[in-house]
Amino acid sequence: MNEKIIERSGEIIAERIVGPQNFVTLAFVDRYGYPHTTTISISKSEGIRWLTFCTGTGAKKDTIDHCNKASVCINSPDYHIALTGTIEQITDPGVKKEMWYGGLKNHFSGWDDPNYCVLKFTAERYNLLVDWQATSGELLKENTENE
């Protein structure tokens, strides 16, 4: 049952990326130790494991360097997807170019604009209510070491 709810939650996230309501709530702790919450659009995801966001650098890097703990909340009258984990700023030019999309032209000169950045949220825990079924738990970390 849990795997089914987790899988459906990933599908909902993917549907939101291409849909008219592709925004989520992203929360993290600012450099002063206070919660900071913002609404942001999802750029890409892999199920509930990770989501990326395209945004401006502003004070985010300083904040993320201070405390990389974050949470994402996605909800509607039909579901509630709450994820907690960590966030990092991706500086790799290839990733920034890959994540670039036309709507960002309103805010940045191009994928190489120094004020444009990609944030990657990696989920560690989840609390899901989908199709009136609830589950919560921890995601197992993938082994990234060479074997």
N, C-alpha and C. Protein backbone atom coordinates (compact mmCIF):
# COMPACT_ATOMS: atom_id res chain seq x y z
N MET A 1 0.82 -1.20 0.00
CA MET A 1 0.00 0.00 0.00
C MET A 1 0.86 1.26 0.00
N ASN A 2 1.91 1.31 0.85
CA ASN A 2 2.76 2.49 0.92
C ASN A 2 3.41 2.80 -0.41
N GLU A 3 3.93 1.77 -1.10
CA GLU A 3 4.59 1.97 -2.39
C GLU A 3 3.62 2.56 -3.41
N LYS A 4 2.38 2.14 -3.35
CA LYS A 4 1.37 2.65 -4.28
C LYS A 4 1.12 4.14 -4.03
N ILE A 5 1.04 4.54 -2.78
CA ILE A 5 0.82 5.95 -2.43
C ILE A 5 2.05 6.76 -2.81
N ILE A 6 3.24 6.24 -2.57
CA ILE A 6 4.48 6.93 -2.94
C ILE A 6 4.55 7.10 -4.45
N GLU A 7 4.24 6.05 -5.19
CA GLU A 7 4.27 6.11 -6.65
C GLU A 7 3.26 7.13 -7.17
N ARG A 8 2.06 7.10 -6.64
CA ARG A 8 1.02 8.05 -7.08
C ARG A 8 1.43 9.48 -6.74
N SER A 9 2.08 9.70 -5.61
CA SER A 9 2.56 11.03 -5.24
C SER A 9 3.58 11.54 -6.25
N GLY A 10 4.48 10.67 -6.69
CA GLY A 10 5.45 11.03 -7.72
C GLY A 10 4.77 11.40 -9.02
N GLU A 11 3.71 10.68 -9.37
CA GLU A 11 2.94 10.99 -10.58
C GLU A 11 2.29 12.36 -10.47
N ILE A 12 1.75 12.66 -9.30
CA ILE A 12 1.11 13.97 -9.08
C ILE A 12 2.14 15.09 -9.25
N ILE A 13 3.32 14.90 -8.69
CA ILE A 13 4.38 15.91 -8.83
C ILE A 13 4.71 16.10 -10.30
N ALA A 14 4.89 15.01 -11.05
CA ALA A 14 5.21 15.09 -12.48
C ALA A 14 4.10 15.80 -13.25
N GLU A 15 2.84 15.53 -12.91
CA GLU A 15 1.72 16.19 -13.57
C GLU A 15 1.72 17.69 -13.31
N ARG A 16 2.12 18.08 -12.12
CA ARG A 16 2.15 19.51 -11.77
C ARG A 16 3.23 20.25 -12.55
N ILE A 17 4.32 19.59 -12.90
CA ILE A 17 5.39 20.25 -13.62
C ILE A 17 4.88 20.79 -14.96
N VAL A 18 4.08 20.01 -15.65
CA VAL A 18 3.57 20.42 -16.97
C VAL A 18 2.21 21.09 -16.89
N GLY A 19 1.60 21.12 -15.73
CA GLY A 19 0.27 21.68 -15.59
C GLY A 19 0.28 23.16 -15.24
N PRO A 20 -0.90 23.75 -15.19
CA PRO A 20 -1.00 25.18 -14.90
C PRO A 20 -0.67 25.53 -13.44
N GLN A 21 -0.74 24.56 -12.55
CA GLN A 21 -0.45 24.81 -11.14
C GLN A 21 0.83 24.07 -10.75
N ASN A 22 1.96 24.48 -11.33
CA ASN A 22 3.20 23.74 -11.08
C ASN A 22 3.98 24.29 -9.89
N PHE A 23 3.34 25.07 -9.07
CA PHE A 23 4.04 25.65 -7.92
C PHE A 23 3.85 24.80 -6.67
N VAL A 24 4.82 24.93 -5.77
CA VAL A 24 4.80 24.26 -4.48
C VAL A 24 5.24 25.27 -3.42
N THR A 25 5.13 24.89 -2.18
CA THR A 25 5.65 25.71 -1.09
C THR A 25 6.98 25.10 -0.66
N LEU A 26 8.01 25.92 -0.65
CA LEU A 26 9.34 25.52 -0.22
C LEU A 26 9.66 26.28 1.05
N ALA A 27 10.07 25.57 2.09
CA ALA A 27 10.41 26.21 3.36
C ALA A 27 11.80 25.80 3.79
N PHE A 28 12.54 26.76 4.35
CA PHE A 28 13.86 26.49 4.88
C PHE A 28 14.14 27.47 6.01
N VAL A 29 15.24 27.28 6.69
CA VAL A 29 15.60 28.13 7.82
C VAL A 29 16.56 29.20 7.30
N ASP A 30 16.24 30.48 7.56
CA ASP A 30 17.12 31.54 7.07
C ASP A 30 18.35 31.68 7.95
N ARG A 31 19.27 32.52 7.55
CA ARG A 31 20.54 32.65 8.27
C ARG A 31 20.39 33.22 9.67
N TYR A 32 19.19 33.73 9.99
CA TYR A 32 18.93 34.24 11.34
C TYR A 32 18.23 33.20 12.21
N GLY A 33 17.99 32.01 11.65
CA GLY A 33 17.37 30.93 12.40
C GLY A 33 15.85 30.92 12.34
N TYR A 34 15.27 31.73 11.45
CA TYR A 34 13.81 31.79 11.33
C TYR A 34 13.33 31.02 10.11
N PRO A 35 12.11 30.49 10.18
CA PRO A 35 11.56 29.80 9.02
C PRO A 35 11.30 30.80 7.89
N HIS A 36 11.58 30.38 6.67
CA HIS A 36 11.30 31.19 5.49
C HIS A 36 10.54 30.30 4.52
N THR A 37 9.40 30.76 4.06
CA THR A 37 8.56 29.99 3.16
C THR A 37 8.34 30.79 1.89
N THR A 38 8.41 30.10 0.75
CA THR A 38 8.19 30.75 -0.53
C THR A 38 7.42 29.81 -1.45
N THR A 39 6.75 30.38 -2.42
CA THR A 39 6.10 29.59 -3.45
C THR A 39 7.03 29.58 -4.66
N ILE A 40 7.24 28.40 -5.23
CA ILE A 40 8.21 28.26 -6.31
C ILE A 40 7.72 27.17 -7.27
N SER A 41 8.10 27.28 -8.54
CA SER A 41 7.69 26.31 -9.56
C SER A 41 8.69 25.16 -9.64
N ILE A 42 8.18 23.97 -9.83
CA ILE A 42 9.02 22.78 -9.99
C ILE A 42 9.54 22.76 -11.43
N SER A 43 10.82 22.46 -11.59
CA SER A 43 11.39 22.34 -12.93
C SER A 43 11.49 20.89 -13.38
N LYS A 44 11.87 20.02 -12.46
CA LYS A 44 12.07 18.61 -12.78
C LYS A 44 11.96 17.81 -11.49
N SER A 45 11.67 16.52 -11.60
CA SER A 45 11.59 15.69 -10.39
C SER A 45 11.87 14.24 -10.74
N GLU A 46 12.16 13.48 -9.70
CA GLU A 46 12.23 12.03 -9.80
C GLU A 46 11.36 11.48 -8.67
N GLY A 47 10.12 11.18 -9.01
CA GLY A 47 9.17 10.73 -8.00
C GLY A 47 9.12 11.72 -6.86
N ILE A 48 9.16 11.20 -5.63
CA ILE A 48 9.23 12.09 -4.47
C ILE A 48 10.67 12.22 -3.97
N ARG A 49 11.63 11.55 -4.63
CA ARG A 49 13.03 11.56 -4.18
C ARG A 49 13.68 12.92 -4.26
N TRP A 50 13.51 13.62 -5.41
CA TRP A 50 14.10 14.94 -5.53
C TRP A 50 13.30 15.81 -6.49
N LEU A 51 13.39 17.11 -6.26
CA LEU A 51 12.76 18.11 -7.12
C LEU A 51 13.78 19.22 -7.35
N THR A 52 13.74 19.83 -8.54
CA THR A 52 14.59 20.98 -8.80
C THR A 52 13.72 22.19 -9.07
N PHE A 53 14.30 23.36 -8.78
CA PHE A 53 13.62 24.64 -8.96
C PHE A 53 14.60 25.62 -9.61
N CYS A 54 14.12 26.43 -10.53
CA CYS A 54 14.92 27.48 -11.14
C CYS A 54 14.52 28.79 -10.47
N THR A 55 15.52 29.56 -10.04
CA THR A 55 15.23 30.78 -9.29
C THR A 55 16.42 31.73 -9.37
N GLY A 56 16.31 32.84 -8.69
CA GLY A 56 17.42 33.78 -8.61
C GLY A 56 18.28 33.48 -7.40
N THR A 57 19.55 33.84 -7.48
CA THR A 57 20.46 33.54 -6.39
C THR A 57 20.12 34.33 -5.14
N GLY A 58 20.01 35.65 -5.24
CA GLY A 58 19.68 36.47 -4.08
C GLY A 58 20.43 36.03 -2.84
N ALA A 59 19.74 35.91 -1.74
CA ALA A 59 20.35 35.51 -0.47
C ALA A 59 20.25 34.00 -0.26
N LYS A 60 19.75 33.26 -1.25
CA LYS A 60 19.52 31.83 -1.06
C LYS A 60 20.79 31.04 -0.78
N LYS A 61 21.88 31.33 -1.50
CA LYS A 61 23.10 30.56 -1.29
C LYS A 61 23.61 30.73 0.13
N ASP A 62 23.62 31.96 0.64
CA ASP A 62 24.04 32.22 2.01
C ASP A 62 23.15 31.46 2.98
N THR A 63 21.85 31.46 2.71
CA THR A 63 20.91 30.76 3.58
C THR A 63 21.13 29.26 3.54
N ILE A 64 21.29 28.70 2.34
CA ILE A 64 21.48 27.26 2.19
C ILE A 64 22.81 26.83 2.80
N ASP A 65 23.85 27.64 2.64
CA ASP A 65 25.13 27.32 3.26
C ASP A 65 25.03 27.31 4.77
N HIS A 66 24.15 28.16 5.31
CA HIS A 66 23.95 28.24 6.77
C HIS A 66 23.23 26.99 7.28
N CYS A 67 22.15 26.61 6.59
CA CYS A 67 21.34 25.46 7.01
C CYS A 67 20.67 24.88 5.78
N ASN A 68 21.03 23.67 5.42
CA ASN A 68 20.49 23.08 4.19
C ASN A 68 19.22 22.26 4.41
N LYS A 69 18.65 22.30 5.58
CA LYS A 69 17.40 21.57 5.85
C LYS A 69 16.24 22.34 5.21
N ALA A 70 15.31 21.60 4.60
CA ALA A 70 14.20 22.24 3.90
C ALA A 70 12.99 21.31 3.88
N SER A 71 11.86 21.86 3.48
CA SER A 71 10.67 21.05 3.29
C SER A 71 9.89 21.58 2.09
N VAL A 72 9.14 20.69 1.49
CA VAL A 72 8.31 21.03 0.35
C VAL A 72 6.90 20.54 0.66
N CYS A 73 5.92 21.37 0.35
CA CYS A 73 4.52 20.98 0.55
C CYS A 73 3.76 21.21 -0.75
N ILE A 74 3.05 20.18 -1.16
CA ILE A 74 2.24 20.22 -2.38
C ILE A 74 0.85 19.76 -1.97
N ASN A 75 -0.14 20.62 -2.18
CA ASN A 75 -1.47 20.17 -1.77
C ASN A 75 -2.56 20.71 -2.67
N SER A 76 -3.71 20.10 -2.55
CA SER A 76 -4.93 20.48 -3.24
C SER A 76 -6.06 19.91 -2.38
N PRO A 77 -7.29 20.13 -2.76
CA PRO A 77 -8.36 19.49 -2.00
C PRO A 77 -8.32 17.96 -2.05
N ASP A 78 -7.57 17.41 -3.03
CA ASP A 78 -7.54 15.96 -3.23
C ASP A 78 -6.32 15.25 -2.65
N TYR A 79 -5.26 15.98 -2.31
CA TYR A 79 -4.05 15.34 -1.81
C TYR A 79 -3.21 16.31 -0.99
N HIS A 80 -2.31 15.72 -0.22
CA HIS A 80 -1.35 16.49 0.58
C HIS A 80 -0.03 15.72 0.54
N ILE A 81 0.99 16.35 -0.02
CA ILE A 81 2.31 15.73 -0.13
C ILE A 81 3.29 16.62 0.62
N ALA A 82 3.82 16.15 1.73
CA ALA A 82 4.78 16.91 2.53
C ALA A 82 6.09 16.12 2.56
N LEU A 83 7.17 16.79 2.15
CA LEU A 83 8.48 16.16 2.10
C LEU A 83 9.47 16.98 2.92
N THR A 84 10.34 16.33 3.65
CA THR A 84 11.41 17.04 4.35
C THR A 84 12.74 16.43 3.92
N GLY A 85 13.76 17.28 3.89
CA GLY A 85 15.07 16.81 3.47
C GLY A 85 16.07 17.93 3.42
N THR A 86 16.91 17.93 2.38
CA THR A 86 17.95 18.94 2.25
C THR A 86 17.86 19.63 0.90
N ILE A 87 18.46 20.82 0.82
CA ILE A 87 18.47 21.59 -0.41
C ILE A 87 19.88 22.06 -0.70
N GLU A 88 20.21 22.11 -1.98
CA GLU A 88 21.53 22.58 -2.38
C GLU A 88 21.40 23.43 -3.64
N GLN A 89 22.35 24.36 -3.81
CA GLN A 89 22.39 25.15 -5.03
C GLN A 89 23.31 24.45 -6.01
N ILE A 90 22.80 24.19 -7.21
CA ILE A 90 23.57 23.54 -8.25
C ILE A 90 24.26 24.63 -9.09
N THR A 91 25.57 24.55 -9.21
CA THR A 91 26.33 25.55 -9.96
C THR A 91 26.84 25.02 -11.29
N ASP A 92 26.68 23.75 -11.55
CA ASP A 92 27.17 23.14 -12.79
C ASP A 92 26.49 23.81 -14.00
N PRO A 93 27.27 24.41 -14.92
CA PRO A 93 26.69 25.09 -16.08
C PRO A 93 25.83 24.17 -16.94
N GLY A 94 26.21 22.90 -17.06
CA GLY A 94 25.42 21.96 -17.85
C GLY A 94 24.02 21.76 -17.28
N VAL A 95 23.93 21.67 -15.96
CA VAL A 95 22.62 21.51 -15.31
C VAL A 95 21.80 22.79 -15.47
N LYS A 96 22.45 23.94 -15.27
CA LYS A 96 21.74 25.22 -15.43
C LYS A 96 21.17 25.35 -16.85
N LYS A 97 21.95 24.95 -17.84
CA LYS A 97 21.50 25.01 -19.24
C LYS A 97 20.34 24.04 -19.47
N GLU A 98 20.47 22.82 -18.93
CA GLU A 98 19.43 21.80 -19.09
C GLU A 98 18.10 22.25 -18.47
N MET A 99 18.17 22.92 -17.33
CA MET A 99 16.97 23.33 -16.61
C MET A 99 16.32 24.59 -17.19
N TRP A 100 17.05 25.32 -18.03
CA TRP A 100 16.55 26.58 -18.57
C TRP A 100 15.29 26.35 -19.41
N TYR A 101 14.29 27.22 -19.26
CA TYR A 101 13.09 27.17 -20.10
C TYR A 101 12.67 28.61 -20.41
N GLY A 102 11.90 28.77 -21.47
CA GLY A 102 11.55 30.07 -22.01
C GLY A 102 10.98 31.08 -21.03
N GLY A 103 10.18 30.61 -20.09
CA GLY A 103 9.55 31.52 -19.13
C GLY A 103 10.55 32.27 -18.25
N LEU A 104 11.77 31.75 -18.16
CA LEU A 104 12.78 32.40 -17.33
C LEU A 104 13.33 33.66 -17.98
N LYS A 105 13.08 33.84 -19.31
CA LYS A 105 13.56 35.03 -20.01
C LYS A 105 13.01 36.31 -19.40
N ASN A 106 11.87 36.21 -18.73
CA ASN A 106 11.27 37.39 -18.09
C ASN A 106 12.09 37.86 -16.90
N HIS A 107 12.97 37.01 -16.39
CA HIS A 107 13.71 37.31 -15.17
C HIS A 107 15.23 37.32 -15.33
N PHE A 108 15.73 36.60 -16.33
CA PHE A 108 17.18 36.43 -16.50
C PHE A 108 17.56 36.59 -17.96
N SER A 109 18.80 36.97 -18.21
CA SER A 109 19.27 37.19 -19.59
C SER A 109 19.52 35.87 -20.33
N GLY A 110 19.74 34.80 -19.62
CA GLY A 110 19.98 33.49 -20.23
C GLY A 110 20.43 32.51 -19.18
N TRP A 111 20.67 31.27 -19.61
CA TRP A 111 21.05 30.23 -18.65
C TRP A 111 22.38 30.53 -17.96
N ASP A 112 23.20 31.38 -18.58
CA ASP A 112 24.49 31.72 -18.00
C ASP A 112 24.47 33.01 -17.18
N ASP A 113 23.27 33.57 -16.97
CA ASP A 113 23.12 34.76 -16.13
C ASP A 113 23.61 34.41 -14.71
N PRO A 114 24.51 35.21 -14.13
CA PRO A 114 25.04 34.88 -12.80
C PRO A 114 23.99 34.94 -11.69
N ASN A 115 22.84 35.57 -11.95
CA ASN A 115 21.78 35.64 -10.94
C ASN A 115 20.79 34.48 -11.03
N TYR A 116 20.94 33.64 -12.04
CA TYR A 116 20.07 32.49 -12.23
C TYR A 116 20.72 31.27 -11.58
N CYS A 117 19.93 30.50 -10.83
CA CYS A 117 20.47 29.29 -10.23
C CYS A 117 19.42 28.19 -10.20
N VAL A 118 19.90 26.99 -9.98
CA VAL A 118 19.04 25.81 -9.84
C VAL A 118 19.20 25.31 -8.41
N LEU A 119 18.07 25.08 -7.76
CA LEU A 119 18.07 24.48 -6.43
C LEU A 119 17.59 23.05 -6.55
N LYS A 120 18.25 22.14 -5.84
CA LYS A 120 17.83 20.74 -5.82
C LYS A 120 17.46 20.36 -4.40
N PHE A 121 16.22 19.94 -4.25
CA PHE A 121 15.71 19.45 -2.97
C PHE A 121 15.74 17.93 -3.01
N THR A 122 16.34 17.31 -2.01
CA THR A 122 16.39 15.85 -1.90
C THR A 122 15.61 15.44 -0.67
N ALA A 123 14.56 14.67 -0.88
CA ALA A 123 13.69 14.25 0.22
C ALA A 123 14.33 13.14 1.05
N GLU A 124 14.13 13.23 2.35
CA GLU A 124 14.57 12.19 3.28
C GLU A 124 13.38 11.53 3.97
N ARG A 125 12.34 12.33 4.20
CA ARG A 125 11.13 11.83 4.86
C ARG A 125 9.89 12.32 4.10
N TYR A 126 8.79 11.61 4.28
CA TYR A 126 7.56 11.98 3.60
C TYR A 126 6.35 11.77 4.51
N ASN A 127 5.32 12.55 4.24
CA ASN A 127 4.03 12.44 4.90
C ASN A 127 3.01 12.66 3.78
N LEU A 128 2.29 11.63 3.39
CA LEU A 128 1.45 11.67 2.19
C LEU A 128 0.01 11.32 2.50
N LEU A 129 -0.90 12.04 1.87
CA LEU A 129 -2.32 11.71 1.88
C LEU A 129 -2.79 11.81 0.44
N VAL A 130 -2.98 10.66 -0.18
CA VAL A 130 -3.35 10.58 -1.60
C VAL A 130 -4.48 9.58 -1.74
N ASP A 131 -5.52 9.96 -2.48
CA ASP A 131 -6.69 9.09 -2.67
C ASP A 131 -7.24 8.61 -1.33
N TRP A 132 -7.22 9.48 -0.36
CA TRP A 132 -7.71 9.24 0.99
C TRP A 132 -6.98 8.12 1.71
N GLN A 133 -5.76 7.84 1.25
CA GLN A 133 -4.88 6.88 1.91
C GLN A 133 -3.66 7.64 2.42
N ALA A 134 -3.25 7.37 3.65
CA ALA A 134 -2.12 8.11 4.24
C ALA A 134 -0.96 7.17 4.53
N THR A 135 0.23 7.73 4.41
CA THR A 135 1.44 7.02 4.80
C THR A 135 2.52 8.03 5.13
N SER A 136 3.46 7.62 5.93
CA SER A 136 4.61 8.46 6.23
C SER A 136 5.80 7.54 6.46
N GLY A 137 6.99 8.11 6.32
CA GLY A 137 8.17 7.29 6.52
C GLY A 137 9.42 7.99 6.05
N GLU A 138 10.50 7.22 5.96
CA GLU A 138 11.79 7.73 5.53
C GLU A 138 12.18 7.07 4.22
N LEU A 139 12.83 7.84 3.37
CA LEU A 139 13.35 7.29 2.12
C LEU A 139 14.74 6.75 2.38
N LEU A 140 15.03 5.60 1.85
CA LEU A 140 16.36 5.03 1.98
C LEU A 140 17.30 5.80 1.08
N LYS A 141 18.47 6.12 1.59
CA LYS A 141 19.46 6.83 0.77
C LYS A 141 20.06 5.85 -0.22
N GLU A 142 20.21 6.34 -1.46
CA GLU A 142 20.79 5.51 -2.50
C GLU A 142 22.29 5.44 -2.30
N ASN A 143 22.87 4.31 -2.60
CA ASN A 143 24.31 4.14 -2.49
C ASN A 143 24.95 4.80 -3.71
N THR A 144 25.72 5.86 -3.48
CA THR A 144 26.34 6.59 -4.57
C THR A 144 27.82 6.32 -4.69
N GLU A 145 28.35 5.44 -3.85
CA GLU A 145 29.76 5.12 -3.91
C GLU A 145 30.02 4.12 -5.03
N ASN A 146 31.19 4.19 -5.61
CA ASN A 146 31.58 3.21 -6.64
C ASN A 146 31.84 1.87 -5.95
N GLU A 147 31.34 0.84 -6.55
CA GLU A 147 31.54 -0.49 -5.96
C GLU A 147 32.53 -1.28 -6.77
